[in-house]
PDB file of all heavy atoms in Angstrom:
ATOM      1  N   LYS A   1       6.559  11.279  -6.139  1.00  0.00           N
ATOM      2  CA  LYS A   1       5.561  11.448  -5.068  1.00  0.00           C
ATOM      3  C   LYS A   1       4.705  10.191  -4.918  1.00  0.00           C
ATOM      4  O   LYS A   1       4.412   9.753  -3.808  1.00  0.00           O
ATOM      5  CB  LYS A   1       4.667  12.653  -5.348  1.00  0.00           C
ATOM      6  CG  LYS A   1       5.346  13.981  -5.159  1.00  0.00           C
ATOM      7  CD  LYS A   1       4.381  15.113  -5.478  1.00  0.00           C
ATOM      8  CE  LYS A   1       5.087  16.443  -5.452  1.00  0.00           C
ATOM      9  NZ  LYS A   1       4.180  17.537  -5.837  1.00  0.00           N
ATOM     10  N   LEU A   2       4.287   9.632  -6.065  1.00  0.00           N
ATOM     11  CA  LEU A   2       3.462   8.419  -6.027  1.00  0.00           C
ATOM     12  C   LEU A   2       4.230   7.254  -5.410  1.00  0.00           C
ATOM     13  O   LEU A   2       3.657   6.454  -4.649  1.00  0.00           O
ATOM     14  CB  LEU A   2       2.964   8.068  -7.426  1.00  0.00           C
ATOM     15  CG  LEU A   2       1.942   9.027  -8.041  1.00  0.00           C
ATOM     16  CD1 LEU A   2       1.651   8.630  -9.485  1.00  0.00           C
ATOM     17  CD2 LEU A   2       0.673   9.052  -7.221  1.00  0.00           C
ATOM     18  N   ARG A   3       5.512   7.151  -5.707  1.00  0.00           N
ATOM     19  CA  ARG A   3       6.321   6.082  -5.101  1.00  0.00           C
ATOM     20  C   ARG A   3       6.367   6.249  -3.578  1.00  0.00           C
ATOM     21  O   ARG A   3       6.279   5.266  -2.829  1.00  0.00           O
ATOM     22  CB  ARG A   3       7.732   6.106  -5.676  1.00  0.00           C
ATOM     23  CG  ARG A   3       7.829   5.500  -7.040  1.00  0.00           C
ATOM     24  CD  ARG A   3       9.252   5.456  -7.524  1.00  0.00           C
ATOM     25  NE  ARG A   3       9.288   4.885  -8.873  1.00  0.00           N
ATOM     26  CZ  ARG A   3      10.289   5.006  -9.699  1.00  0.00           C
ATOM     27  NH1 ARG A   3      11.363   5.680  -9.348  1.00  0.00           N
ATOM     28  NH2 ARG A   3      10.232   4.440 -10.881  1.00  0.00           N
ATOM     29  N   GLU A   4       6.521   7.503  -3.207  1.00  0.00           N
ATOM     30  CA  GLU A   4       6.552   7.770  -1.773  1.00  0.00           C
ATOM     31  C   GLU A   4       5.212   7.379  -1.138  1.00  0.00           C
ATOM     32  O   GLU A   4       5.165   6.764  -0.066  1.00  0.00           O
ATOM     33  CB  GLU A   4       6.873   9.233  -1.502  1.00  0.00           C
ATOM     34  CG  GLU A   4       8.304   9.619  -1.845  1.00  0.00           C
ATOM     35  CD  GLU A   4       8.526  11.127  -1.781  1.00  0.00           C
ATOM     36  OE1 GLU A   4       7.603  11.890  -1.389  1.00  0.00           O
ATOM     37  OE2 GLU A   4       9.642  11.550  -2.131  1.00  0.00           O
ATOM     38  N   GLN A   5       4.118   7.739  -1.823  1.00  0.00           N
ATOM     39  CA  GLN A   5       2.786   7.422  -1.295  1.00  0.00           C
ATOM     40  C   GLN A   5       2.555   5.912  -1.262  1.00  0.00           C
ATOM     41  O   GLN A   5       1.956   5.369  -0.318  1.00  0.00           O
ATOM     42  CB  GLN A   5       1.708   8.122  -2.119  1.00  0.00           C
ATOM     43  CG  GLN A   5       1.696   9.619  -1.922  1.00  0.00           C
ATOM     44  CD  GLN A   5       0.688  10.311  -2.836  1.00  0.00           C
ATOM     45  OE1 GLN A   5       0.042   9.680  -3.661  1.00  0.00           O
ATOM     46  NE2 GLN A   5       0.555  11.616  -2.655  1.00  0.00           N
ATOM     47  N   VAL A   6       3.014   5.205  -2.292  1.00  0.00           N
ATOM     48  CA  VAL A   6       2.882   3.744  -2.322  1.00  0.00           C
ATOM     49  C   VAL A   6       3.674   3.152  -1.159  1.00  0.00           C
ATOM     50  O   VAL A   6       3.219   2.218  -0.473  1.00  0.00           O
ATOM     51  CB  VAL A   6       3.341   3.162  -3.678  1.00  0.00           C
ATOM     52  CG1 VAL A   6       3.521   1.646  -3.595  1.00  0.00           C
ATOM     53  CG2 VAL A   6       2.359   3.522  -4.763  1.00  0.00           C
ATOM     54  N   GLY A   7       4.856   3.690  -0.934  1.00  0.00           N
ATOM     55  CA  GLY A   7       5.660   3.199   0.189  1.00  0.00           C
ATOM     56  C   GLY A   7       4.950   3.409   1.513  1.00  0.00           C
ATOM     57  O   GLY A   7       4.924   2.509   2.371  1.00  0.00           O
ATOM     58  N   ILE A   8       4.363   4.596   1.666  1.00  0.00           N
ATOM     59  CA  ILE A   8       3.625   4.892   2.889  1.00  0.00           C
ATOM     60  C   ILE A   8       2.443   3.943   3.018  1.00  0.00           C
ATOM     61  O   ILE A   8       2.182   3.371   4.088  1.00  0.00           O
ATOM     62  CB  ILE A   8       3.174   6.368   2.916  1.00  0.00           C
ATOM     63  CG1 ILE A   8       4.388   7.280   3.021  1.00  0.00           C
ATOM     64  CG2 ILE A   8       2.186   6.618   4.033  1.00  0.00           C
ATOM     65  CD1 ILE A   8       4.076   8.758   2.817  1.00  0.00           C
ATOM     66  N   LEU A   9       1.702   3.753   1.928  1.00  0.00           N
ATOM     67  CA  LEU A   9       0.546   2.867   1.930  1.00  0.00           C
ATOM     68  C   LEU A   9       0.959   1.432   2.232  1.00  0.00           C
ATOM     69  O   LEU A   9       0.307   0.735   3.017  1.00  0.00           O
ATOM     70  CB  LEU A   9      -0.177   2.950   0.581  1.00  0.00           C
ATOM     71  CG  LEU A   9      -1.427   2.106   0.427  1.00  0.00           C
ATOM     72  CD1 LEU A   9      -2.507   2.531   1.424  1.00  0.00           C
ATOM     73  CD2 LEU A   9      -1.954   2.197  -0.976  1.00  0.00           C
ATOM     74  N   ALA A  10       2.047   0.978   1.619  1.00  0.00           N
ATOM     75  CA  ALA A  10       2.512  -0.402   1.847  1.00  0.00           C
ATOM     76  C   ALA A  10       2.906  -0.581   3.309  1.00  0.00           C
ATOM     77  O   ALA A  10       2.591  -1.611   3.919  1.00  0.00           O
ATOM     78  CB  ALA A  10       3.684  -0.706   0.931  1.00  0.00           C
ATOM     79  N   ARG A  11       3.569   0.406   3.885  1.00  0.00           N
ATOM     80  CA  ARG A  11       3.936   0.305   5.305  1.00  0.00           C
ATOM     81  C   ARG A  11       2.686   0.279   6.191  1.00  0.00           C
ATOM     82  O   ARG A  11       2.596  -0.474   7.151  1.00  0.00           O
ATOM     83  CB  ARG A  11       4.844   1.482   5.693  1.00  0.00           C
ATOM     84  CG  ARG A  11       6.285   1.247   5.352  1.00  0.00           C
ATOM     85  CD  ARG A  11       7.172   2.335   5.948  1.00  0.00           C
ATOM     86  NE  ARG A  11       6.975   3.646   5.329  1.00  0.00           N
ATOM     87  CZ  ARG A  11       7.568   4.075   4.242  1.00  0.00           C
ATOM     88  NH1 ARG A  11       8.423   3.296   3.624  1.00  0.00           N
ATOM     89  NH2 ARG A  11       7.325   5.275   3.766  1.00  0.00           N
ATOM     90  N   ALA A  12       1.720   1.127   5.819  1.00  0.00           N
ATOM     91  CA  ALA A  12       0.485   1.182   6.610  1.00  0.00           C
ATOM     92  C   ALA A  12      -0.260  -0.142   6.543  1.00  0.00           C
ATOM     93  O   ALA A  12      -0.771  -0.637   7.550  1.00  0.00           O
ATOM     94  CB  ALA A  12      -0.406   2.317   6.135  1.00  0.00           C
ATOM     95  N   VAL A  13      -0.317  -0.741   5.365  1.00  0.00           N
ATOM     96  CA  VAL A  13      -0.999  -2.019   5.210  1.00  0.00           C
ATOM     97  C   VAL A  13      -0.233  -3.083   5.992  1.00  0.00           C
ATOM     98  O   VAL A  13      -0.842  -3.930   6.662  1.00  0.00           O
ATOM     99  CB  VAL A  13      -1.134  -2.398   3.714  1.00  0.00           C
ATOM    100  CG1 VAL A  13      -1.556  -3.844   3.532  1.00  0.00           C
ATOM    101  CG2 VAL A  13      -2.081  -1.453   3.006  1.00  0.00           C
ATOM    102  N   TYR A  14       1.052  -3.064   5.911  1.00  0.00           N
ATOM    103  CA  TYR A  14       1.855  -4.061   6.608  1.00  0.00           C
ATOM    104  C   TYR A  14       1.741  -3.920   8.120  1.00  0.00           C
ATOM    105  O   TYR A  14       1.563  -4.894   8.831  1.00  0.00           O
ATOM    106  CB  TYR A  14       3.318  -3.924   6.168  1.00  0.00           C
ATOM    107  CG  TYR A  14       4.227  -4.926   6.815  1.00  0.00           C
ATOM    108  CD1 TYR A  14       4.210  -6.259   6.427  1.00  0.00           C
ATOM    109  CD2 TYR A  14       5.081  -4.541   7.845  1.00  0.00           C
ATOM    110  CE1 TYR A  14       5.035  -7.179   7.039  1.00  0.00           C
ATOM    111  CE2 TYR A  14       5.913  -5.457   8.456  1.00  0.00           C
ATOM    112  CZ  TYR A  14       5.892  -6.763   8.046  1.00  0.00           C
ATOM    113  OH  TYR A  14       6.706  -7.693   8.658  1.00  0.00           O
ATOM    114  N   VAL A  15       1.830  -2.645   8.569  1.00  0.00           N
ATOM    115  CA  VAL A  15       1.782  -2.402  10.021  1.00  0.00           C
ATOM    116  C   VAL A  15       0.377  -2.655  10.558  1.00  0.00           C
ATOM    117  O   VAL A  15       0.207  -3.262  11.614  1.00  0.00           O
ATOM    118  CB  VAL A  15       2.238  -0.954  10.335  1.00  0.00           C
ATOM    119  CG1 VAL A  15       1.989  -0.604  11.787  1.00  0.00           C
ATOM    120  CG2 VAL A  15       3.693  -0.779   9.978  1.00  0.00           C
ATOM    121  N   ASN A  16      -0.608  -2.195   9.847  1.00  0.00           N
ATOM    122  CA  ASN A  16      -1.988  -2.305  10.328  1.00  0.00           C
ATOM    123  C   ASN A  16      -2.645  -3.625   9.942  1.00  0.00           C
ATOM    124  O   ASN A  16      -3.775  -3.898  10.334  1.00  0.00           O
ATOM    125  CB  ASN A  16      -2.838  -1.149   9.811  1.00  0.00           C
ATOM    126  CG  ASN A  16      -2.351   0.184  10.341  1.00  0.00           C
ATOM    127  OD1 ASN A  16      -1.804   0.252  11.437  1.00  0.00           O
ATOM    128  ND2 ASN A  16      -2.556   1.234   9.578  1.00  0.00           N
ATOM    129  N   GLY A  17      -1.982  -4.385   9.121  1.00  0.00           N
ATOM    130  CA  GLY A  17      -2.558  -5.650   8.714  1.00  0.00           C
ATOM    131  C   GLY A  17      -3.733  -5.433   7.784  1.00  0.00           C
ATOM    132  O   GLY A  17      -4.729  -6.135   7.866  1.00  0.00           O
ATOM    133  N   GLY A  18      -3.610  -4.493   6.878  1.00  0.00           N
ATOM    134  CA  GLY A  18      -4.706  -4.138   5.993  1.00  0.00           C
ATOM    135  C   GLY A  18      -4.899  -5.122   4.862  1.00  0.00           C
ATOM    136  O   GLY A  18      -4.285  -6.172   4.797  1.00  0.00           O
ATOM    137  N   ASN A  19      -5.782  -4.767   3.996  1.00  0.00           N
ATOM    138  CA  ASN A  19      -6.183  -5.602   2.879  1.00  0.00           C
ATOM    139  C   ASN A  19      -5.154  -5.451   1.753  1.00  0.00           C
ATOM    140  O   ASN A  19      -4.968  -4.379   1.194  1.00  0.00           O
ATOM    141  CB  ASN A  19      -7.568  -5.172   2.418  1.00  0.00           C
ATOM    142  CG  ASN A  19      -8.139  -6.125   1.406  1.00  0.00           C
ATOM    143  OD1 ASN A  19      -7.471  -7.045   0.949  1.00  0.00           O
ATOM    144  ND2 ASN A  19      -9.391  -5.921   1.074  1.00  0.00           N
ATOM    145  N   TRP A  20      -4.513  -6.550   1.359  1.00  0.00           N
ATOM    146  CA  TRP A  20      -3.516  -6.546   0.291  1.00  0.00           C
ATOM    147  C   TRP A  20      -4.156  -6.394  -1.080  1.00  0.00           C
ATOM    148  O   TRP A  20      -3.515  -5.969  -2.034  1.00  0.00           O
ATOM    149  CB  TRP A  20      -2.708  -7.848   0.336  1.00  0.00           C
ATOM    150  CG  TRP A  20      -1.780  -7.896   1.516  1.00  0.00           C
ATOM    151  CD1 TRP A  20      -2.018  -8.506   2.700  1.00  0.00           C
ATOM    152  CD2 TRP A  20      -0.508  -7.287   1.610  1.00  0.00           C
ATOM    153  NE1 TRP A  20      -0.973  -8.330   3.548  1.00  0.00           N
ATOM    154  CE2 TRP A  20      -0.012  -7.587   2.890  1.00  0.00           C
ATOM    155  CE3 TRP A  20       0.284  -6.518   0.761  1.00  0.00           C
ATOM    156  CZ2 TRP A  20       1.226  -7.143   3.340  1.00  0.00           C
ATOM    157  CZ3 TRP A  20       1.525  -6.103   1.220  1.00  0.00           C
ATOM    158  CH2 TRP A  20       1.980  -6.412   2.479  1.00  0.00           C
ATOM    159  N   GLN A  21      -5.382  -6.688  -1.172  1.00  0.00           N
ATOM    160  CA  GLN A  21      -6.075  -6.579  -2.458  1.00  0.00           C
ATOM    161  C   GLN A  21      -6.144  -5.112  -2.896  1.00  0.00           C
ATOM    162  O   GLN A  21      -6.050  -4.804  -4.075  1.00  0.00           O
ATOM    163  CB  GLN A  21      -7.471  -7.167  -2.369  1.00  0.00           C
ATOM    164  CG  GLN A  21      -7.451  -8.664  -2.222  1.00  0.00           C
ATOM    165  CD  GLN A  21      -8.853  -9.200  -2.027  1.00  0.00           C
ATOM    166  OE1 GLN A  21      -9.790  -8.452  -1.750  1.00  0.00           O
ATOM    167  NE2 GLN A  21      -8.999 -10.508  -2.166  1.00  0.00           N
ATOM    168  N   GLU A  22      -6.312  -4.242  -1.955  1.00  0.00           N
ATOM    169  CA  GLU A  22      -6.360  -2.817  -2.310  1.00  0.00           C
ATOM    170  C   GLU A  22      -5.014  -2.358  -2.850  1.00  0.00           C
ATOM    171  O   GLU A  22      -4.937  -1.612  -3.827  1.00  0.00           O
ATOM    172  CB  GLU A  22      -6.753  -1.994  -1.089  1.00  0.00           C
ATOM    173  CG  GLU A  22      -8.157  -2.268  -0.627  1.00  0.00           C
ATOM    174  CD  GLU A  22      -8.458  -1.621   0.714  1.00  0.00           C
ATOM    175  OE1 GLU A  22      -7.531  -1.121   1.377  1.00  0.00           O
ATOM    176  OE2 GLU A  22      -9.621  -1.616   1.079  1.00  0.00           O
ATOM    177  N   LEU A  23      -3.943  -2.783  -2.225  1.00  0.00           N
ATOM    178  CA  LEU A  23      -2.603  -2.432  -2.693  1.00  0.00           C
ATOM    179  C   LEU A  23      -2.346  -3.038  -4.063  1.00  0.00           C
ATOM    180  O   LEU A  23      -1.768  -2.397  -4.953  1.00  0.00           O
ATOM    181  CB  LEU A  23      -1.555  -2.922  -1.684  1.00  0.00           C
ATOM    182  CG  LEU A  23      -0.105  -2.588  -2.026  1.00  0.00           C
ATOM    183  CD1 LEU A  23       0.087  -1.084  -2.141  1.00  0.00           C
ATOM    184  CD2 LEU A  23       0.823  -3.171  -0.987  1.00  0.00           C
ATOM    185  N   GLU A  24      -2.781  -4.248  -4.263  1.00  0.00           N
ATOM    186  CA  GLU A  24      -2.622  -4.915  -5.551  1.00  0.00           C
ATOM    187  C   GLU A  24      -3.361  -4.161  -6.643  1.00  0.00           C
ATOM    188  O   GLU A  24      -2.867  -4.012  -7.760  1.00  0.00           O
ATOM    189  CB  GLU A  24      -3.144  -6.351  -5.441  1.00  0.00           C
ATOM    190  CG  GLU A  24      -2.901  -7.162  -6.701  1.00  0.00           C
ATOM    191  CD  GLU A  24      -3.419  -8.587  -6.555  1.00  0.00           C
ATOM    192  OE1 GLU A  24      -3.671  -9.043  -5.446  1.00  0.00           O
ATOM    193  OE2 GLU A  24      -3.583  -9.233  -7.609  1.00  0.00           O
ATOM    194  N   MET A  25      -4.582  -3.681  -6.332  1.00  0.00           N
ATOM    195  CA  MET A  25      -5.358  -2.911  -7.295  1.00  0.00           C
ATOM    196  C   MET A  25      -4.573  -1.665  -7.730  1.00  0.00           C
ATOM    197  O   MET A  25      -4.546  -1.315  -8.920  1.00  0.00           O
ATOM    198  CB  MET A  25      -6.686  -2.487  -6.665  1.00  0.00           C
ATOM    199  CG  MET A  25      -7.528  -1.606  -7.558  1.00  0.00           C
ATOM    200  SD  MET A  25      -8.987  -0.971  -6.743  1.00  0.00           S
ATOM    201  CE  MET A  25      -8.259   0.277  -5.696  1.00  0.00           C
ATOM    202  N   LEU A  26      -3.928  -1.002  -6.824  1.00  0.00           N
ATOM    203  CA  LEU A  26      -3.153   0.183  -7.156  1.00  0.00           C
ATOM    204  C   LEU A  26      -1.953  -0.158  -8.017  1.00  0.00           C
ATOM    205  O   LEU A  26      -1.630   0.521  -8.988  1.00  0.00           O
ATOM    206  CB  LEU A  26      -2.679   0.897  -5.881  1.00  0.00           C
ATOM    207  CG  LEU A  26      -3.748   1.607  -5.073  1.00  0.00           C
ATOM    208  CD1 LEU A  26      -3.167   2.117  -3.765  1.00  0.00           C
ATOM    209  CD2 LEU A  26      -4.333   2.751  -5.860  1.00  0.00           C
ATOM    210  N   LEU A  27      -1.270  -1.224  -7.676  1.00  0.00           N
ATOM    211  CA  LEU A  27      -0.040  -1.587  -8.370  1.00  0.00           C
ATOM    212  C   LEU A  27      -0.288  -2.176  -9.758  1.00  0.00           C
ATOM    213  O   LEU A  27       0.626  -2.240 -10.577  1.00  0.00           O
ATOM    214  CB  LEU A  27       0.770  -2.561  -7.521  1.00  0.00           C
ATOM    215  CG  LEU A  27       1.281  -1.989  -6.198  1.00  0.00           C
ATOM    216  CD1 LEU A  27       2.004  -3.068  -5.404  1.00  0.00           C
ATOM    217  CD2 LEU A  27       2.198  -0.808  -6.448  1.00  0.00           C
ATOM    218  N   GLU A  28      -1.496  -2.591 -10.075  1.00  0.00           N
ATOM    219  CA  GLU A  28      -1.805  -3.148 -11.394  1.00  0.00           C
ATOM    220  C   GLU A  28      -2.067  -2.067 -12.441  1.00  0.00           C
ATOM    221  O   GLU A  28      -2.284  -2.379 -13.601  1.00  0.00           O
ATOM    222  CB  GLU A  28      -3.023  -4.070 -11.295  1.00  0.00           C
ATOM    223  CG  GLU A  28      -2.718  -5.387 -10.640  1.00  0.00           C
ATOM    224  CD  GLU A  28      -3.953  -6.271 -10.548  1.00  0.00           C
ATOM    225  OE1 GLU A  28      -5.069  -5.794 -10.842  1.00  0.00           O
ATOM    226  OE2 GLU A  28      -3.793  -7.438 -10.196  1.00  0.00           O
TER     227      GLU A  28
END
């Protein structure tokens, strides 16, 4: 489920041009 959510979040950040730092915080 978390992988799916990360995938959704990564797509949202990529599509919306969001902050990569937030994604990095999650992945660390």
